[in-house]
Amino acid sequence: MTVKIPLTPEEETKLQAQAKVEGVSVDALLRRAVLQIIAAPETGGGQLSVEQWEKEFEEWLDGLPPLPTLSDEAISRENIYTREDEWR
């Protein structure tokens, strides 16, 4: 299969420079990139943008079971520190 991809002169120069840095041909560099894309899992596979990460994190948080609400007594100083603190 042959695919034509229109690139600007700047994009073409960057692509050639990257291939040279890696010591491969432009074709080999592009083939590797395409294989990574088609081998990636359907869930995205690559790095997430900040917005995508925040959205997925919020969805994950929403899926957690609710935590019990602590009373004022439960978080009072007397109930946080135990008798073990008195032994010192």
N, C-alpha and C. Protein backbone atom coordinates (compact mmCIF):
# COMPACT_ATOMS: atom_id res chain seq x y z
N MET A 1 0.84 -1.17 0.00
CA MET A 1 0.00 0.00 0.00
C MET A 1 0.89 1.24 0.00
N THR A 2 0.55 2.17 -0.81
CA THR A 2 1.27 3.44 -0.87
C THR A 2 0.32 4.55 -0.43
N VAL A 3 0.83 5.38 0.46
CA VAL A 3 0.02 6.47 0.98
C VAL A 3 0.78 7.77 0.74
N LYS A 4 0.10 8.75 0.18
CA LYS A 4 0.71 10.06 -0.03
C LYS A 4 0.28 10.98 1.10
N ILE A 5 1.26 11.61 1.73
CA ILE A 5 0.98 12.52 2.84
C ILE A 5 1.56 13.88 2.48
N PRO A 6 0.72 14.87 2.28
CA PRO A 6 1.24 16.19 1.96
C PRO A 6 1.88 16.81 3.21
N LEU A 7 3.14 17.23 3.06
CA LEU A 7 3.87 17.87 4.15
C LEU A 7 4.36 19.24 3.71
N THR A 8 4.44 20.13 4.67
CA THR A 8 5.05 21.43 4.37
C THR A 8 6.56 21.22 4.27
N PRO A 9 7.27 22.14 3.62
CA PRO A 9 8.73 22.00 3.55
C PRO A 9 9.36 21.89 4.94
N GLU A 10 8.82 22.62 5.92
CA GLU A 10 9.37 22.55 7.28
C GLU A 10 9.16 21.17 7.89
N GLU A 11 7.97 20.61 7.68
CA GLU A 11 7.68 19.27 8.20
C GLU A 11 8.58 18.23 7.54
N GLU A 12 8.77 18.37 6.26
CA GLU A 12 9.63 17.44 5.53
C GLU A 12 11.07 17.51 6.04
N THR A 13 11.56 18.72 6.28
CA THR A 13 12.92 18.89 6.79
C THR A 13 13.06 18.25 8.17
N LYS A 14 12.08 18.47 9.03
CA LYS A 14 12.12 17.87 10.37
C LYS A 14 12.09 16.35 10.31
N LEU A 15 11.27 15.82 9.40
CA LEU A 15 11.17 14.37 9.25
C LEU A 15 12.50 13.78 8.78
N GLN A 16 13.11 14.43 7.80
CA GLN A 16 14.41 13.97 7.31
C GLN A 16 15.48 14.07 8.40
N ALA A 17 15.45 15.13 9.18
CA ALA A 17 16.42 15.30 10.25
C ALA A 17 16.25 14.21 11.32
N GLN A 18 15.00 13.91 11.67
CA GLN A 18 14.74 12.87 12.67
C GLN A 18 15.22 11.51 12.17
N ALA A 19 14.97 11.22 10.90
CA ALA A 19 15.43 9.95 10.32
C ALA A 19 16.96 9.88 10.36
N LYS A 20 17.61 10.98 10.07
CA LYS A 20 19.07 11.01 10.09
C LYS A 20 19.60 10.79 11.50
N VAL A 21 18.97 11.43 12.48
CA VAL A 21 19.39 11.26 13.88
C VAL A 21 19.28 9.80 14.31
N GLU A 22 18.22 9.15 13.88
CA GLU A 22 18.00 7.76 14.25
C GLU A 22 18.74 6.77 13.35
N GLY A 23 19.36 7.28 12.30
CA GLY A 23 20.14 6.43 11.41
C GLY A 23 19.31 5.49 10.56
N VAL A 24 18.10 5.95 10.21
CA VAL A 24 17.22 5.13 9.37
C VAL A 24 16.72 5.99 8.21
N SER A 25 16.11 5.32 7.25
CA SER A 25 15.53 6.07 6.14
C SER A 25 14.21 6.69 6.59
N VAL A 26 13.75 7.67 5.83
CA VAL A 26 12.46 8.29 6.11
C VAL A 26 11.36 7.23 6.01
N ASP A 27 11.46 6.35 5.02
CA ASP A 27 10.46 5.28 4.87
C ASP A 27 10.41 4.39 6.11
N ALA A 28 11.57 4.02 6.62
CA ALA A 28 11.63 3.16 7.80
C ALA A 28 11.06 3.87 9.03
N LEU A 29 11.36 5.15 9.15
CA LEU A 29 10.84 5.94 10.26
C LEU A 29 9.32 6.02 10.21
N LEU A 30 8.78 6.29 9.03
CA LEU A 30 7.33 6.38 8.87
C LEU A 30 6.66 5.03 9.06
N ARG A 31 7.29 3.98 8.56
CA ARG A 31 6.74 2.63 8.74
C ARG A 31 6.64 2.29 10.22
N ARG A 32 7.68 2.59 10.98
CA ARG A 32 7.67 2.32 12.41
C ARG A 32 6.55 3.11 13.10
N ALA A 33 6.39 4.37 12.70
CA ALA A 33 5.33 5.19 13.31
C ALA A 33 3.95 4.61 13.00
N VAL A 34 3.74 4.19 11.78
CA VAL A 34 2.45 3.61 11.39
C VAL A 34 2.21 2.31 12.15
N LEU A 35 3.23 1.48 12.28
CA LEU A 35 3.07 0.22 13.01
C LEU A 35 2.75 0.46 14.48
N GLN A 36 3.33 1.49 15.06
CA GLN A 36 3.00 1.82 16.45
C GLN A 36 1.53 2.25 16.57
N ILE A 37 1.06 3.00 15.60
CA ILE A 37 -0.33 3.45 15.62
C ILE A 37 -1.29 2.27 15.50
N ILE A 38 -1.03 1.37 14.57
CA ILE A 38 -1.97 0.27 14.37
C ILE A 38 -1.83 -0.82 15.43
N ALA A 39 -0.70 -0.87 16.14
CA ALA A 39 -0.51 -1.84 17.20
C ALA A 39 -1.03 -1.34 18.54
N ALA A 40 -1.31 -0.05 18.65
CA ALA A 40 -1.78 0.52 19.91
C ALA A 40 -3.15 -0.02 20.27
N PRO A 41 -3.40 -0.25 21.57
CA PRO A 41 -4.73 -0.71 21.96
C PRO A 41 -5.81 0.29 21.59
N GLU A 42 -7.01 -0.18 21.48
CA GLU A 42 -8.12 0.68 21.07
C GLU A 42 -8.43 1.76 22.09
N THR A 43 -7.93 1.62 23.32
CA THR A 43 -8.22 2.60 24.37
C THR A 43 -7.37 3.84 24.23
N GLY A 44 -6.60 3.96 23.21
CA GLY A 44 -5.79 5.16 23.02
C GLY A 44 -4.34 4.82 22.90
N GLY A 45 -3.78 4.13 23.89
CA GLY A 45 -2.43 3.64 23.82
C GLY A 45 -1.33 4.65 24.01
N GLY A 46 -1.52 5.88 23.61
CA GLY A 46 -0.46 6.86 23.73
C GLY A 46 -0.64 7.71 24.97
N GLN A 47 0.15 8.74 25.04
CA GLN A 47 0.04 9.65 26.16
C GLN A 47 -1.25 10.45 26.04
N LEU A 48 -1.83 10.72 27.18
CA LEU A 48 -3.06 11.50 27.20
C LEU A 48 -2.74 12.97 27.35
N SER A 49 -3.59 13.79 26.79
CA SER A 49 -3.46 15.22 27.03
C SER A 49 -3.90 15.49 28.46
N VAL A 50 -3.57 16.65 28.97
CA VAL A 50 -3.96 17.01 30.33
C VAL A 50 -5.47 16.93 30.49
N GLU A 51 -6.19 17.44 29.50
CA GLU A 51 -7.64 17.43 29.58
C GLU A 51 -8.19 16.01 29.58
N GLN A 52 -7.62 15.14 28.73
CA GLN A 52 -8.08 13.75 28.68
C GLN A 52 -7.77 13.04 30.00
N TRP A 53 -6.57 13.29 30.55
CA TRP A 53 -6.20 12.66 31.81
C TRP A 53 -7.14 13.09 32.92
N GLU A 54 -7.42 14.40 33.00
CA GLU A 54 -8.31 14.91 34.04
C GLU A 54 -9.70 14.31 33.90
N LYS A 55 -10.18 14.19 32.66
CA LYS A 55 -11.51 13.62 32.42
C LYS A 55 -11.56 12.16 32.88
N GLU A 56 -10.55 11.37 32.50
CA GLU A 56 -10.52 9.97 32.90
C GLU A 56 -10.34 9.82 34.40
N PHE A 57 -9.55 10.70 35.01
CA PHE A 57 -9.35 10.67 36.46
C PHE A 57 -10.67 10.97 37.17
N GLU A 58 -11.38 11.99 36.70
CA GLU A 58 -12.68 12.33 37.30
C GLU A 58 -13.66 11.17 37.16
N GLU A 59 -13.67 10.51 36.00
CA GLU A 59 -14.55 9.36 35.81
C GLU A 59 -14.18 8.22 36.76
N TRP A 60 -12.88 8.03 36.96
CA TRP A 60 -12.41 7.00 37.88
C TRP A 60 -12.86 7.33 39.31
N LEU A 61 -12.69 8.60 39.70
CA LEU A 61 -13.12 9.02 41.04
C LEU A 61 -14.62 8.82 41.22
N ASP A 62 -15.39 9.15 40.19
CA ASP A 62 -16.84 8.98 40.28
C ASP A 62 -17.23 7.51 40.46
N GLY A 63 -16.39 6.60 39.99
CA GLY A 63 -16.67 5.18 40.11
C GLY A 63 -16.32 4.58 41.46
N LEU A 64 -15.60 5.31 42.31
CA LEU A 64 -15.24 4.81 43.63
C LEU A 64 -16.45 4.81 44.55
N PRO A 65 -16.49 3.86 45.49
CA PRO A 65 -17.62 3.88 46.42
C PRO A 65 -17.50 5.11 47.33
N PRO A 66 -18.63 5.63 47.79
CA PRO A 66 -18.58 6.81 48.65
C PRO A 66 -17.91 6.49 49.98
N LEU A 67 -17.16 7.44 50.48
CA LEU A 67 -16.49 7.29 51.77
C LEU A 67 -17.43 7.75 52.88
N PRO A 68 -17.34 7.10 54.04
CA PRO A 68 -18.20 7.55 55.13
C PRO A 68 -17.78 8.93 55.62
N THR A 69 -18.74 9.70 56.05
CA THR A 69 -18.46 11.02 56.58
C THR A 69 -18.07 10.88 58.04
N LEU A 70 -16.97 11.50 58.42
CA LEU A 70 -16.52 11.42 59.81
C LEU A 70 -17.18 12.52 60.63
N SER A 71 -17.56 12.16 61.84
CA SER A 71 -18.16 13.15 62.73
C SER A 71 -17.06 14.03 63.33
N ASP A 72 -17.47 15.14 63.92
CA ASP A 72 -16.51 16.02 64.59
C ASP A 72 -15.80 15.27 65.72
N GLU A 73 -16.55 14.39 66.38
CA GLU A 73 -15.95 13.62 67.48
C GLU A 73 -14.87 12.68 66.97
N ALA A 74 -15.10 12.08 65.83
CA ALA A 74 -14.15 11.13 65.28
C ALA A 74 -12.82 11.78 64.94
N ILE A 75 -12.85 13.05 64.60
CA ILE A 75 -11.59 13.71 64.24
C ILE A 75 -11.14 14.70 65.32
N SER A 76 -11.67 14.53 66.53
CA SER A 76 -11.23 15.42 67.61
C SER A 76 -9.84 15.00 68.08
N ARG A 77 -9.14 15.91 68.66
CA ARG A 77 -7.77 15.66 69.14
C ARG A 77 -7.73 14.48 70.10
N GLU A 78 -8.72 14.39 70.99
CA GLU A 78 -8.74 13.33 71.99
C GLU A 78 -8.86 11.95 71.34
N ASN A 79 -9.58 11.88 70.24
CA ASN A 79 -9.78 10.59 69.58
C ASN A 79 -8.68 10.25 68.57
N ILE A 80 -7.94 11.23 68.14
CA ILE A 80 -6.85 10.96 67.20
C ILE A 80 -5.65 10.40 67.94
N TYR A 81 -5.31 11.01 69.08
CA TYR A 81 -4.15 10.57 69.84
C TYR A 81 -4.60 9.54 70.87
N THR A 82 -3.81 8.49 70.99
CA THR A 82 -4.17 7.40 71.89
C THR A 82 -3.33 7.45 73.15
N ARG A 83 -3.58 6.48 74.03
CA ARG A 83 -2.81 6.40 75.28
C ARG A 83 -1.34 6.15 74.99
N GLU A 84 -1.02 5.55 73.85
CA GLU A 84 0.38 5.30 73.52
C GLU A 84 1.19 6.60 73.53
N ASP A 85 0.53 7.71 73.18
CA ASP A 85 1.21 8.98 73.20
C ASP A 85 1.55 9.42 74.62
N GLU A 86 0.78 8.97 75.60
CA GLU A 86 1.02 9.33 76.99
C GLU A 86 2.19 8.57 77.57
N TRP A 87 2.59 7.47 76.99
CA TRP A 87 3.66 6.63 77.52
C TRP A 87 5.03 7.23 77.27
N ARG A 88 5.15 8.18 76.44
CA ARG A 88 6.46 8.76 76.11
C ARG A 88 6.93 9.75 77.13
